[in-house]
Amino acid sequence: MTNLPDEKILNELLEMGQQMYDAAKKMSETSEAMTQKIKKRIEDAKAAQAVK
């Protein structure tokens, strides 16, 4: 019999890993949304200058 960590500890580690993954994914999505907003503002500013 090898000395394995018990199932409770493994489940806690898995849960922590999932929470970290979810947080990183949310940060990535937020960053992408901000990038899209900035691109839109740049396009709007270019369009406004073209109208002048």
Protein backbone atom coordinates (compact mmCIF):
# COMPACT_ATOMS: atom_id res chain seq x y z
CA MET A 1 0.00 0.00 0.00
CA THR A 2 1.52 3.29 -1.10
CA ASN A 3 1.12 6.43 0.94
CA LEU A 4 -1.43 8.42 -1.11
CA PRO A 5 -3.12 11.59 0.10
CA ASP A 6 -6.72 10.94 1.03
CA GLU A 7 -9.61 11.72 -1.26
CA LYS A 8 -10.69 14.79 0.75
CA ILE A 9 -7.33 16.52 0.18
CA LEU A 10 -7.36 15.61 -3.52
CA ASN A 11 -10.87 17.03 -3.89
CA GLU A 12 -9.85 20.24 -2.13
CA LEU A 13 -6.86 20.63 -4.45
CA LEU A 14 -9.07 19.97 -7.46
CA GLU A 15 -11.57 22.58 -6.26
CA MET A 16 -8.78 25.14 -5.71
CA GLY A 17 -7.42 24.44 -9.17
CA GLN A 18 -10.88 24.87 -10.69
CA GLN A 19 -11.37 28.18 -8.88
CA MET A 20 -7.97 29.43 -10.11
CA TYR A 21 -8.82 28.34 -13.66
CA ASP A 22 -12.22 30.08 -13.50
CA ALA A 23 -10.64 33.28 -12.14
CA ALA A 24 -7.97 33.28 -14.85
CA LYS A 25 -10.60 32.66 -17.53
CA LYS A 26 -12.72 35.56 -16.23
CA MET A 27 -9.66 37.85 -16.22
CA SER A 28 -8.89 36.83 -19.78
CA GLU A 29 -12.48 37.52 -20.87
CA THR A 30 -12.44 40.91 -19.10
CA SER A 31 -9.13 41.79 -20.76
CA GLU A 32 -10.51 40.79 -24.17
CA ALA A 33 -13.64 42.88 -23.61
CA MET A 34 -11.51 45.91 -22.66
CA THR A 35 -9.36 45.41 -25.77
CA GLN A 36 -12.47 45.34 -27.95
CA LYS A 37 -13.80 48.56 -26.32
CA ILE A 38 -10.46 50.32 -26.93
CA LYS A 39 -10.40 49.17 -30.57
CA LYS A 40 -13.95 50.46 -31.01
CA ARG A 41 -13.02 53.86 -29.53
CA ILE A 42 -10.04 54.10 -31.88
CA GLU A 43 -12.25 53.23 -34.87
CA ASP A 44 -14.87 55.77 -33.73
CA ALA A 45 -12.20 58.45 -33.35
CA LYS A 46 -10.82 57.70 -36.82
CA ALA A 47 -14.31 57.84 -38.29
CA ALA A 48 -15.00 61.16 -36.53
CA GLN A 49 -11.77 62.60 -37.96
CA ALA A 50 -12.62 61.35 -41.44
CA VAL A 51 -15.95 63.20 -41.27
CA LYS A 52 -14.30 66.55 -40.47
